[in-house]
Structures are given as C-alpha cells and as structure tokens.
C-alpha cells in the first residue's frame, strides 16, 4: 500500500491575489455603504481565487477629475483603503503605479 501525501508543498496553492482596494478619500466619502461593500467583496473574492483584478462590473466611475493625467491623479490625491479609510496607501505603491 502506497502512502499519498494530500498536503504537498508542491501542489498549486489557491489564492495569492491582492485583496486591498484603494481609492481617493473624496471618492470613498461620496460612495454609499452598499457600493463600498460591493467593491470590497468583489476584490476579496477575486483575490481568494488567485486573480489580480476584480470583475469589470464593479468599476468605479468618476474617481478621477476631468483633465488630470494619470501621474497627477496618483500623486495629488489622498489615497485610502476602501474597507478601512483610516489606512493610507503607501507612497511606494503610488510611485510604482506612476512609473517612478
């Protein structure tokens, strides 16, 4: 009788996607509680499945001011986590997104 190991460290691991959702603080304040929960749950669900992006059905409209460049948007906004707005987005992450 052969022994089969069920929890092999070489088996493909589920999950590993990112589960944090960040938006400008002004946009978070303007969203309803239901909208915020839908966005957070969508991102957590995608992360648990090992996906990096959430469904495009939960895309947020109107988060960027008209005429703002992508760099301006990332550098000049006060970025916060949607699930806990008291936590700020790291400056390093913003620099990576802007290409610095």
PDB file of N, CA and C in Angstrom:
ATOM      1  N   UNK A   1       0.843  -1.174   0.000  1.00  0.00           N
ATOM      2  CA  UNK A   1       0.000   0.000   0.000  1.00  0.00           C
ATOM      3  C   UNK A   1       0.892   1.242   0.000  1.00  0.00           C
ATOM      4  N   UNK A   2       0.670   2.127  -0.965  1.00  0.00           N
ATOM      5  CA  UNK A   2       1.476   3.338  -1.109  1.00  0.00           C
ATOM      6  C   UNK A   2       0.860   4.489  -0.321  1.00  0.00           C
ATOM      7  N   UNK A   3       1.749   5.273   0.251  1.00  0.00           N
ATOM      8  CA  UNK A   3       1.302   6.440   1.003  1.00  0.00           C
ATOM      9  C   UNK A   3       1.189   7.630   0.049  1.00  0.00           C
ATOM     10  N   UNK A   4       0.066   8.326   0.092  1.00  0.00           N
ATOM     11  CA  UNK A   4      -0.094   9.526  -0.730  1.00  0.00           C
ATOM     12  C   UNK A   4      -0.234  10.735   0.189  1.00  0.00           C
ATOM     13  N   UNK A   5       0.583  11.693  -0.076  1.00  0.00           N
ATOM     14  CA  UNK A   5       0.565  12.904   0.735  1.00  0.00           C
ATOM     15  C   UNK A   5      -0.457  13.880   0.146  1.00  0.00           C
ATOM     16  N   UNK A   6      -1.428  14.284   0.957  1.00  0.00           N
ATOM     17  CA  UNK A   6      -2.502  15.138   0.449  1.00  0.00           C
ATOM     18  C   UNK A   6      -2.162  16.622   0.514  1.00  0.00           C
ATOM     19  N   UNK A   7      -1.309  17.007   1.418  1.00  0.00           N
ATOM     20  CA  UNK A   7      -0.976  18.434   1.538  1.00  0.00           C
ATOM     21  C   UNK A   7       0.470  18.698   1.121  1.00  0.00           C
ATOM     22  N   UNK A   8       0.785  18.360  -0.100  1.00  0.00           N
ATOM     23  CA  UNK A   8       2.134  18.535  -0.621  1.00  0.00           C
ATOM     24  C   UNK A   8       2.470  20.022  -0.767  1.00  0.00           C
ATOM     25  N   UNK A   9       3.688  20.412  -0.383  1.00  0.00           N
ATOM     26  CA  UNK A   9       4.076  21.810  -0.566  1.00  0.00           C
ATOM     27  C   UNK A   9       4.248  22.176  -2.039  1.00  0.00           C
ATOM     28  N   UNK A  10       4.313  21.170  -2.917  1.00  0.00           N
ATOM     29  CA  UNK A  10       4.490  21.428  -4.345  1.00  0.00           C
ATOM     30  C   UNK A  10       3.168  21.554  -5.079  1.00  0.00           C
ATOM     31  N   UNK A  11       2.070  21.253  -4.399  1.00  0.00           N
ATOM     32  CA  UNK A  11       0.761  21.385  -5.025  1.00  0.00           C
ATOM     33  C   UNK A  11       0.464  22.857  -5.259  1.00  0.00           C
ATOM     34  N   UNK A  12      -0.283  23.131  -6.304  1.00  0.00           N
ATOM     35  CA  UNK A  12      -0.623  24.524  -6.615  1.00  0.00           C
ATOM     36  C   UNK A  12      -1.472  25.108  -5.497  1.00  0.00           C
ATOM     37  N   UNK A  13      -1.050  26.245  -5.015  1.00  0.00           N
ATOM     38  CA  UNK A  13      -1.735  26.877  -3.905  1.00  0.00           C
ATOM     39  C   UNK A  13      -2.837  27.785  -4.432  1.00  0.00           C
ATOM     40  N   UNK A  14      -3.977  27.743  -3.767  1.00  0.00           N
ATOM     41  CA  UNK A  14      -5.080  28.600  -4.165  1.00  0.00           C
ATOM     42  C   UNK A  14      -4.922  29.955  -3.509  1.00  0.00           C
ATOM     43  N   UNK A  15      -5.413  30.977  -4.153  1.00  0.00           N
ATOM     44  CA  UNK A  15      -5.311  32.317  -3.585  1.00  0.00           C
ATOM     45  C   UNK A  15      -4.045  32.999  -4.036  1.00  0.00           C
ATOM     46  N   UNK A  16      -3.623  33.977  -3.317  1.00  0.00           N
ATOM     47  CA  UNK A  16      -2.403  34.687  -3.662  1.00  0.00           C
ATOM     48  C   UNK A  16      -2.651  35.985  -4.402  1.00  0.00           C
ATOM     49  N   UNK A  17      -3.900  36.263  -4.739  1.00  0.00           N
ATOM     50  CA  UNK A  17      -4.215  37.527  -5.399  1.00  0.00           C
ATOM     51  C   UNK A  17      -4.269  38.648  -4.378  1.00  0.00           C
ATOM     52  N   UNK A  18      -4.278  39.853  -4.862  1.00  0.00           N
ATOM     53  CA  UNK A  18      -4.347  41.003  -3.970  1.00  0.00           C
ATOM     54  C   UNK A  18      -5.793  41.263  -3.555  1.00  0.00           C
ATOM     55  N   UNK A  19      -6.010  41.639  -2.295  1.00  0.00           N
ATOM     56  CA  UNK A  19      -7.372  41.816  -1.789  1.00  0.00           C
ATOM     57  C   UNK A  19      -7.648  43.228  -1.298  1.00  0.00           C
ATOM     58  N   UNK A  20      -6.677  44.132  -1.408  1.00  0.00           N
ATOM     59  CA  UNK A  20      -6.878  45.503  -0.928  1.00  0.00           C
ATOM     60  C   UNK A  20      -7.385  46.372  -2.077  1.00  0.00           C
ATOM     61  N   UNK A  21      -8.339  47.231  -1.764  1.00  0.00           N
ATOM     62  CA  UNK A  21      -8.894  48.145  -2.757  1.00  0.00           C
ATOM     63  C   UNK A  21      -8.660  49.567  -2.287  1.00  0.00           C
ATOM     64  N   UNK A  22      -7.979  50.369  -3.098  1.00  0.00           N
ATOM     65  CA  UNK A  22      -7.684  51.748  -2.727  1.00  0.00           C
ATOM     66  C   UNK A  22      -8.313  52.715  -3.723  1.00  0.00           C
ATOM     67  N   UNK A  23      -8.830  53.821  -3.186  1.00  0.00           N
ATOM     68  CA  UNK A  23      -9.410  54.892  -3.987  1.00  0.00           C
ATOM     69  C   UNK A  23      -9.097  56.220  -3.300  1.00  0.00           C
ATOM     70  N   UNK A  24      -9.261  57.329  -4.030  1.00  0.00           N
ATOM     71  CA  UNK A  24      -9.099  58.627  -3.373  1.00  0.00           C
ATOM     72  C   UNK A  24     -10.137  58.795  -2.251  1.00  0.00           C
ATOM     73  N   UNK A  25      -9.732  59.430  -1.165  1.00  0.00           N
ATOM     74  CA  UNK A  25     -10.607  59.595   0.001  1.00  0.00           C
ATOM     75  C   UNK A  25     -11.900  60.308  -0.361  1.00  0.00           C
ATOM     76  N   UNK A  26     -11.836  61.287  -1.257  1.00  0.00           N
ATOM     77  CA  UNK A  26     -13.046  62.025  -1.640  1.00  0.00           C
ATOM     78  C   UNK A  26     -14.058  61.110  -2.324  1.00  0.00           C
ATOM     79  N   UNK A  27     -13.567  60.168  -3.125  1.00  0.00           N
ATOM     80  CA  UNK A  27     -14.464  59.231  -3.804  1.00  0.00           C
ATOM     81  C   UNK A  27     -15.083  58.265  -2.796  1.00  0.00           C
ATOM     82  N   UNK A  28     -14.299  57.799  -1.840  1.00  0.00           N
ATOM     83  CA  UNK A  28     -14.807  56.879  -0.822  1.00  0.00           C
ATOM     84  C   UNK A  28     -15.925  57.546  -0.027  1.00  0.00           C
ATOM     85  N   UNK A  29     -15.721  58.832   0.319  1.00  0.00           N
ATOM     86  CA  UNK A  29     -16.742  59.559   1.081  1.00  0.00           C
ATOM     87  C   UNK A  29     -18.040  59.712   0.294  1.00  0.00           C
ATOM     88  N   UNK A  30     -17.935  59.824  -1.030  1.00  0.00           N
ATOM     89  CA  UNK A  30     -19.135  60.037  -1.842  1.00  0.00           C
ATOM     90  C   UNK A  30     -19.895  58.743  -2.153  1.00  0.00           C
ATOM     91  N   UNK A  31     -19.301  57.598  -1.872  1.00  0.00           N
ATOM     92  CA  UNK A  31     -19.947  56.308  -2.152  1.00  0.00           C
ATOM     93  C   UNK A  31     -20.851  55.902  -0.993  1.00  0.00           C
ATOM     94  N   UNK A  32     -21.922  55.180  -1.322  1.00  0.00           N
ATOM     95  CA  UNK A  32     -22.791  54.660  -0.268  1.00  0.00           C
ATOM     96  C   UNK A  32     -22.124  53.448   0.383  1.00  0.00           C
ATOM     97  N   UNK A  33     -22.618  53.062   1.536  1.00  0.00           N
ATOM     98  CA  UNK A  33     -22.054  51.914   2.247  1.00  0.00           C
ATOM     99  C   UNK A  33     -22.194  50.645   1.401  1.00  0.00           C
ATOM    100  N   UNK A  34     -23.326  50.499   0.715  1.00  0.00           N
ATOM    101  CA  UNK A  34     -23.558  49.318  -0.135  1.00  0.00           C
ATOM    102  C   UNK A  34     -22.558  49.264  -1.293  1.00  0.00           C
ATOM    103  N   UNK A  35     -22.276  50.419  -1.902  1.00  0.00           N
ATOM    104  CA  UNK A  35     -21.309  50.464  -3.000  1.00  0.00           C
ATOM    105  C   UNK A  35     -19.917  50.071  -2.519  1.00  0.00           C
ATOM    106  N   UNK A  36     -19.528  50.595  -1.345  1.00  0.00           N
ATOM    107  CA  UNK A  36     -18.209  50.257  -0.797  1.00  0.00           C
ATOM    108  C   UNK A  36     -18.111  48.770  -0.493  1.00  0.00           C
ATOM    109  N   UNK A  37     -19.141  48.204   0.124  1.00  0.00           N
ATOM    110  CA  UNK A  37     -19.130  46.779   0.457  1.00  0.00           C
ATOM    111  C   UNK A  37     -19.070  45.914  -0.792  1.00  0.00           C
ATOM    112  N   UNK A  38     -19.807  46.296  -1.829  1.00  0.00           N
ATOM    113  CA  UNK A  38     -19.801  45.538  -3.083  1.00  0.00           C
ATOM    114  C   UNK A  38     -18.394  45.522  -3.688  1.00  0.00           C
ATOM    115  N   UNK A  39     -17.745  46.680  -3.680  1.00  0.00           N
ATOM    116  CA  UNK A  39     -16.395  46.812  -4.235  1.00  0.00           C
ATOM    117  C   UNK A  39     -15.391  45.970  -3.442  1.00  0.00           C
ATOM    118  N   UNK A  40     -15.435  46.060  -2.121  1.00  0.00           N
ATOM    119  CA  UNK A  40     -14.512  45.322  -1.258  1.00  0.00           C
ATOM    120  C   UNK A  40     -14.733  43.819  -1.392  1.00  0.00           C
ATOM    121  N   UNK A  41     -15.993  43.382  -1.382  1.00  0.00           N
ATOM    122  CA  UNK A  41     -16.292  41.951  -1.503  1.00  0.00           C
ATOM    123  C   UNK A  41     -15.851  41.395  -2.847  1.00  0.00           C
ATOM    124  N   UNK A  42     -16.010  42.184  -3.899  1.00  0.00           N
ATOM    125  CA  UNK A  42     -15.584  41.759  -5.230  1.00  0.00           C
ATOM    126  C   UNK A  42     -14.071  41.551  -5.277  1.00  0.00           C
ATOM    127  N   UNK A  43     -13.325  42.495  -4.692  1.00  0.00           N
ATOM    128  CA  UNK A  43     -11.857  42.398  -4.691  1.00  0.00           C
ATOM    129  C   UNK A  43     -11.380  41.225  -3.836  1.00  0.00           C
ATOM    130  N   UNK A  44     -12.022  41.024  -2.692  1.00  0.00           N
ATOM    131  CA  UNK A  44     -11.647  39.893  -1.833  1.00  0.00           C
ATOM    132  C   UNK A  44     -11.935  38.563  -2.513  1.00  0.00           C
ATOM    133  N   UNK A  45     -13.071  38.491  -3.195  1.00  0.00           N
ATOM    134  CA  UNK A  45     -13.445  37.265  -3.899  1.00  0.00           C
ATOM    135  C   UNK A  45     -12.437  36.953  -5.003  1.00  0.00           C
ATOM    136  N   UNK A  46     -12.055  37.971  -5.772  1.00  0.00           N
ATOM    137  CA  UNK A  46     -11.067  37.779  -6.847  1.00  0.00           C
ATOM    138  C   UNK A  46      -9.723  37.341  -6.263  1.00  0.00           C
ATOM    139  N   UNK A  47      -9.317  37.958  -5.151  1.00  0.00           N
ATOM    140  CA  UNK A  47      -8.046  37.602  -4.518  1.00  0.00           C
ATOM    141  C   UNK A  47      -8.034  36.180  -4.011  1.00  0.00           C
ATOM    142  N   UNK A  48      -9.166  35.731  -3.462  1.00  0.00           N
ATOM    143  CA  UNK A  48      -9.252  34.359  -2.955  1.00  0.00           C
ATOM    144  C   UNK A  48      -9.158  33.343  -4.082  1.00  0.00           C
ATOM    145  N   UNK A  49      -9.562  33.742  -5.276  1.00  0.00           N
ATOM    146  CA  UNK A  49      -9.477  32.849  -6.442  1.00  0.00           C
ATOM    147  C   UNK A  49      -8.114  32.921  -7.118  1.00  0.00           C
ATOM    148  N   UNK A  50      -7.228  33.755  -6.567  1.00  0.00           N
ATOM    149  CA  UNK A  50      -5.882  33.878  -7.129  1.00  0.00           C
ATOM    150  C   UNK A  50      -5.797  34.867  -8.265  1.00  0.00           C
ATOM    151  N   UNK A  51      -6.830  35.667  -8.451  1.00  0.00           N
ATOM    152  CA  UNK A  51      -6.830  36.640  -9.539  1.00  0.00           C
ATOM    153  C   UNK A  51      -6.316  37.974  -9.032  1.00  0.00           C
ATOM    154  N   UNK A  52      -5.692  38.724  -9.938  1.00  0.00           N
ATOM    155  CA  UNK A  52      -5.147  40.029  -9.569  1.00  0.00           C
ATOM    156  C   UNK A  52      -6.215  41.114  -9.687  1.00  0.00           C
ATOM    157  N   UNK A  53      -7.108  40.972 -10.679  1.00  0.00           N
ATOM    158  CA  UNK A  53      -8.115  42.004 -10.924  1.00  0.00           C
ATOM    159  C   UNK A  53      -9.504  41.503 -10.553  1.00  0.00           C
ATOM    160  N   UNK A  54     -10.334  42.436 -10.132  1.00  0.00           N
ATOM    161  CA  UNK A  54     -11.730  42.096  -9.876  1.00  0.00           C
ATOM    162  C   UNK A  54     -12.508  42.253 -11.171  1.00  0.00           C
ATOM    163  N   UNK A  55     -13.768  41.871 -11.144  1.00  0.00           N
ATOM    164  CA  UNK A  55     -14.619  41.957 -12.324  1.00  0.00           C
ATOM    165  C   UNK A  55     -14.812  43.406 -12.745  1.00  0.00           C
ATOM    166  N   UNK A  56     -14.900  43.631 -14.041  1.00  0.00           N
ATOM    167  CA  UNK A  56     -15.109  44.992 -14.537  1.00  0.00           C
ATOM    168  C   UNK A  56     -16.516  45.495 -14.224  1.00  0.00           C
ATOM    169  N   UNK A  57     -17.400  44.623 -13.773  1.00  0.00           N
ATOM    170  CA  UNK A  57     -18.746  45.050 -13.378  1.00  0.00           C
ATOM    171  C   UNK A  57     -18.697  46.005 -12.192  1.00  0.00           C
ATOM    172  N   UNK A  58     -17.638  45.927 -11.395  1.00  0.00           N
ATOM    173  CA  UNK A  58     -17.524  46.781 -10.210  1.00  0.00           C
ATOM    174  C   UNK A  58     -16.597  47.968 -10.435  1.00  0.00           C
ATOM    175  N   UNK A  59     -16.346  48.326 -11.694  1.00  0.00           N
ATOM    176  CA  UNK A  59     -15.517  49.503 -11.969  1.00  0.00           C
ATOM    177  C   UNK A  59     -16.165  50.750 -11.375  1.00  0.00           C
ATOM    178  N   UNK A  60     -15.336  51.665 -10.908  1.00  0.00           N
ATOM    179  CA  UNK A  60     -15.812  52.887 -10.255  1.00  0.00           C
ATOM    180  C   UNK A  60     -15.734  54.035 -11.247  1.00  0.00           C
ATOM    181  N   UNK A  61     -16.829  54.740 -11.407  1.00  0.00           N
ATOM    182  CA  UNK A  61     -16.884  55.874 -12.335  1.00  0.00           C
ATOM    183  C   UNK A  61     -16.665  57.176 -11.554  1.00  0.00           C
ATOM    184  N   UNK A  62     -16.013  58.128 -12.183  1.00  0.00           N
ATOM    185  CA  UNK A  62     -15.882  59.463 -11.606  1.00  0.00           C
ATOM    186  C   UNK A  62     -14.866  59.597 -10.491  1.00  0.00           C
ATOM    187  N   UNK A  63     -13.877  58.716 -10.431  1.00  0.00           N
ATOM    188  CA  UNK A  63     -12.876  58.815  -9.374  1.00  0.00           C
ATOM    189  C   UNK A  63     -11.776  59.815  -9.734  1.00  0.00           C
ATOM    190  N   UNK A  64     -11.580  60.042 -11.030  1.00  0.00           N
ATOM    191  CA  UNK A  64     -10.518  60.962 -11.467  1.00  0.00           C
ATOM    192  C   UNK A  64     -11.136  62.248 -12.011  1.00  0.00           C
ATOM    193  N   UNK A  65     -10.549  63.386 -11.646  1.00  0.00           N
ATOM    194  CA  UNK A  65     -11.046  64.674 -12.130  1.00  0.00           C
ATOM    195  C   UNK A  65     -10.788  64.807 -13.625  1.00  0.00           C
ATOM    196  N   UNK A  66     -11.644  65.516 -14.308  1.00  0.00           N
ATOM    197  CA  UNK A  66     -11.513  65.727 -15.751  1.00  0.00           C
ATOM    198  C   UNK A  66     -10.196  66.441 -16.056  1.00  0.00           C
ATOM    199  N   UNK A  67      -9.476  65.950 -17.061  1.00  0.00           N
ATOM    200  CA  UNK A  67      -8.239  66.580 -17.493  1.00  0.00           C
ATOM    201  C   UNK A  67      -7.010  66.218 -16.686  1.00  0.00           C
ATOM    202  N   UNK A  68      -7.161  65.441 -15.626  1.00  0.00           N
ATOM    203  CA  UNK A  68      -5.999  65.073 -14.800  1.00  0.00           C
ATOM    204  C   UNK A  68      -5.220  63.953 -15.487  1.00  0.00           C
ATOM    205  N   UNK A  69      -3.906  64.069 -15.487  1.00  0.00           N
ATOM    206  CA  UNK A  69      -3.083  62.992 -16.029  1.00  0.00           C
ATOM    207  C   UNK A  69      -3.034  61.871 -14.991  1.00  0.00           C
ATOM    208  N   UNK A  70      -2.638  60.707 -15.423  1.00  0.00           N
ATOM    209  CA  UNK A  70      -2.546  59.566 -14.516  1.00  0.00           C
ATOM    210  C   UNK A  70      -1.567  59.850 -13.382  1.00  0.00           C
ATOM    211  N   UNK A  71      -0.439  60.482 -13.713  1.00  0.00           N
ATOM    212  CA  UNK A  71       0.561  60.810 -12.691  1.00  0.00           C
ATOM    213  C   UNK A  71      -0.016  61.787 -11.667  1.00  0.00           C
ATOM    214  N   UNK A  72      -0.693  62.834 -12.138  1.00  0.00           N
ATOM    215  CA  UNK A  72      -1.330  63.795 -11.222  1.00  0.00           C
ATOM    216  C   UNK A  72      -2.319  63.090 -10.315  1.00  0.00           C
ATOM    217  N   UNK A  73      -3.099  62.209 -10.916  1.00  0.00           N
ATOM    218  CA  UNK A  73      -4.138  61.517 -10.171  1.00  0.00           C
ATOM    219  C   UNK A  73      -3.542  60.713  -9.022  1.00  0.00           C
ATOM    220  N   UNK A  74      -2.471  60.001  -9.282  1.00  0.00           N
ATOM    221  CA  UNK A  74      -1.858  59.181  -8.235  1.00  0.00           C
ATOM    222  C   UNK A  74      -1.100  60.015  -7.207  1.00  0.00           C
ATOM    223  N   UNK A  75      -0.445  61.076  -7.650  1.00  0.00           N
ATOM    224  CA  UNK A  75       0.389  61.842  -6.728  1.00  0.00           C
ATOM    225  C   UNK A  75      -0.377  62.855  -5.889  1.00  0.00           C
ATOM    226  N   UNK A  76      -1.418  63.445  -6.431  1.00  0.00           N
ATOM    227  CA  UNK A  76      -2.086  64.557  -5.743  1.00  0.00           C
ATOM    228  C   UNK A  76      -3.301  64.149  -4.927  1.00  0.00           C
ATOM    229  N   UNK A  77      -3.798  62.957  -5.104  1.00  0.00           N
ATOM    230  CA  UNK A  77      -4.967  62.509  -4.344  1.00  0.00           C
ATOM    231  C   UNK A  77      -4.543  61.902  -3.010  1.00  0.00           C
ATOM    232  N   UNK A  78      -5.455  61.913  -2.067  1.00  0.00           N
ATOM    233  CA  UNK A  78      -5.244  61.282  -0.760  1.00  0.00           C
ATOM    234  C   UNK A  78      -5.812  59.865  -0.848  1.00  0.00           C
ATOM    235  N   UNK A  79      -4.951  58.903  -1.144  1.00  0.00           N
ATOM    236  CA  UNK A  79      -5.390  57.522  -1.378  1.00  0.00           C
ATOM    237  C   UNK A  79      -5.615  56.788  -0.064  1.00  0.00           C
ATOM    238  N   UNK A  80      -6.758  56.105   0.028  1.00  0.00           N
ATOM    239  CA  UNK A  80      -7.141  55.358   1.232  1.00  0.00           C
ATOM    240  C   UNK A  80      -7.668  53.994   0.841  1.00  0.00           C
ATOM    241  N   UNK A  81      -7.650  53.079   1.808  1.00  0.00           N
ATOM    242  CA  UNK A  81      -8.260  51.762   1.583  1.00  0.00           C
ATOM    243  C   UNK A  81      -9.768  51.888   1.720  1.00  0.00           C
ATOM    244  N   UNK A  82     -10.509  51.248   0.841  1.00  0.00           N
ATOM    245  CA  UNK A  82     -11.961  51.356   0.847  1.00  0.00           C
ATOM    246  C   UNK A  82     -12.548  50.670   2.076  1.00  0.00           C
ATOM    247  N   UNK A  83     -11.997  49.520   2.477  1.00  0.00           N
ATOM    248  CA  UNK A  83     -12.544  48.795   3.631  1.00  0.00           C
ATOM    249  C   UNK A  83     -12.210  49.481   4.956  1.00  0.00           C
ATOM    250  N   UNK A  84     -11.112  50.236   5.005  1.00  0.00           N
ATOM    251  CA  UNK A  84     -10.723  50.944   6.227  1.00  0.00           C
ATOM    252  C   UNK A  84     -10.059  52.268   5.832  1.00  0.00           C
ATOM    253  N   UNK A  85     -10.860  53.338   5.645  1.00  0.00           N
ATOM    254  CA  UNK A  85     -10.307  54.611   5.165  1.00  0.00           C
ATOM    255  C   UNK A  85      -9.266  55.249   6.081  1.00  0.00           C
ATOM    256  N   UNK A  86      -9.109  54.748   7.299  1.00  0.00           N
ATOM    257  CA  UNK A  86      -8.072  55.306   8.177  1.00  0.00           C
ATOM    258  C   UNK A  86      -6.674  54.876   7.730  1.00  0.00           C
ATOM    259  N   UNK A  87      -6.592  53.853   6.892  1.00  0.00           N
ATOM    260  CA  UNK A  87      -5.295  53.365   6.399  1.00  0.00           C
ATOM    261  C   UNK A  87      -4.989  53.994   5.044  1.00  0.00           C
ATOM    262  N   UNK A  88      -3.807  54.616   4.957  1.00  0.00           N
ATOM    263  CA  UNK A  88      -3.386  55.268   3.723  1.00  0.00           C
ATOM    264  C   UNK A  88      -2.686  54.281   2.798  1.00  0.00           C
ATOM    265  N   UNK A  89      -2.736  54.594   1.499  1.00  0.00           N
ATOM    266  CA  UNK A  89      -1.989  53.809   0.517  1.00  0.00           C
ATOM    267  C   UNK A  89      -0.534  54.243   0.593  1.00  0.00           C
ATOM    268  N   UNK A  90       0.386  53.309   0.516  1.00  0.00           N
ATOM    269  CA  UNK A  90       1.815  53.607   0.626  1.00  0.00           C
ATOM    270  C   UNK A  90       2.295  54.433  -0.541  1.00  0.00           C
ATOM    271  N   UNK A  91       3.202  55.358  -0.274  1.00  0.00           N
ATOM    272  CA  UNK A  91       3.789  56.197  -1.319  1.00  0.00           C
ATOM    273  C   UNK A  91       4.583  55.346  -2.319  1.00  0.00           C
ATOM    274  N   UNK A  92       5.215  54.268  -1.856  1.00  0.00           N
ATOM    275  CA  UNK A  92       5.990  53.391  -2.743  1.00  0.00           C
ATOM    276  C   UNK A  92       5.083  52.793  -3.804  1.00  0.00           C
ATOM    277  N   UNK A  93       3.897  52.348  -3.384  1.00  0.00           N
ATOM    278  CA  UNK A  93       2.958  51.737  -4.325  1.00  0.00           C
ATOM    279  C   UNK A  93       2.537  52.770  -5.374  1.00  0.00           C
ATOM    280  N   UNK A  94       2.331  54.008  -4.966  1.00  0.00           N
ATOM    281  CA  UNK A  94       1.950  55.073  -5.893  1.00  0.00           C
ATOM    282  C   UNK A  94       3.072  55.308  -6.894  1.00  0.00           C
ATOM    283  N   UNK A  95       4.328  55.317  -6.427  1.00  0.00           N
ATOM    284  CA  UNK A  95       5.461  55.522  -7.325  1.00  0.00           C
ATOM    285  C   UNK A  95       5.578  54.387  -8.341  1.00  0.00           C
ATOM    286  N   UNK A  96       5.300  53.175  -7.924  1.00  0.00           N
ATOM    287  CA  UNK A  96       5.355  52.033  -8.851  1.00  0.00           C
ATOM    288  C   UNK A  96       4.273  52.189  -9.919  1.00  0.00           C
ATOM    289  N   UNK A  97       3.081  52.565  -9.499  1.00  0.00           N
ATOM    290  CA  UNK A  97       1.982  52.739 -10.446  1.00  0.00           C
ATOM    291  C   UNK A  97       2.241  53.866 -11.430  1.00  0.00           C
ATOM    292  N   UNK A  98       2.945  54.901 -10.976  1.00  0.00           N
ATOM    293  CA  UNK A  98       3.251  56.053 -11.844  1.00  0.00           C
ATOM    294  C   UNK A  98       4.484  55.825 -12.697  1.00  0.00           C
ATOM    295  N   UNK A  99       5.244  54.801 -12.416  1.00  0.00           N
ATOM    296  CA  UNK A  99       6.422  54.514 -13.209  1.00  0.00           C
ATOM    297  C   UNK A  99       7.685  55.172 -12.706  1.00  0.00           C
ATOM    298  N   UNK A 100       7.718  55.631 -11.460  1.00  0.00           N
ATOM    299  CA  UNK A 100       8.932  56.261 -10.900  1.00  0.00           C
ATOM    300  C   UNK A 100       9.855  55.194 -10.354  1.00  0.00           C
TER     301      UNK A 100
END
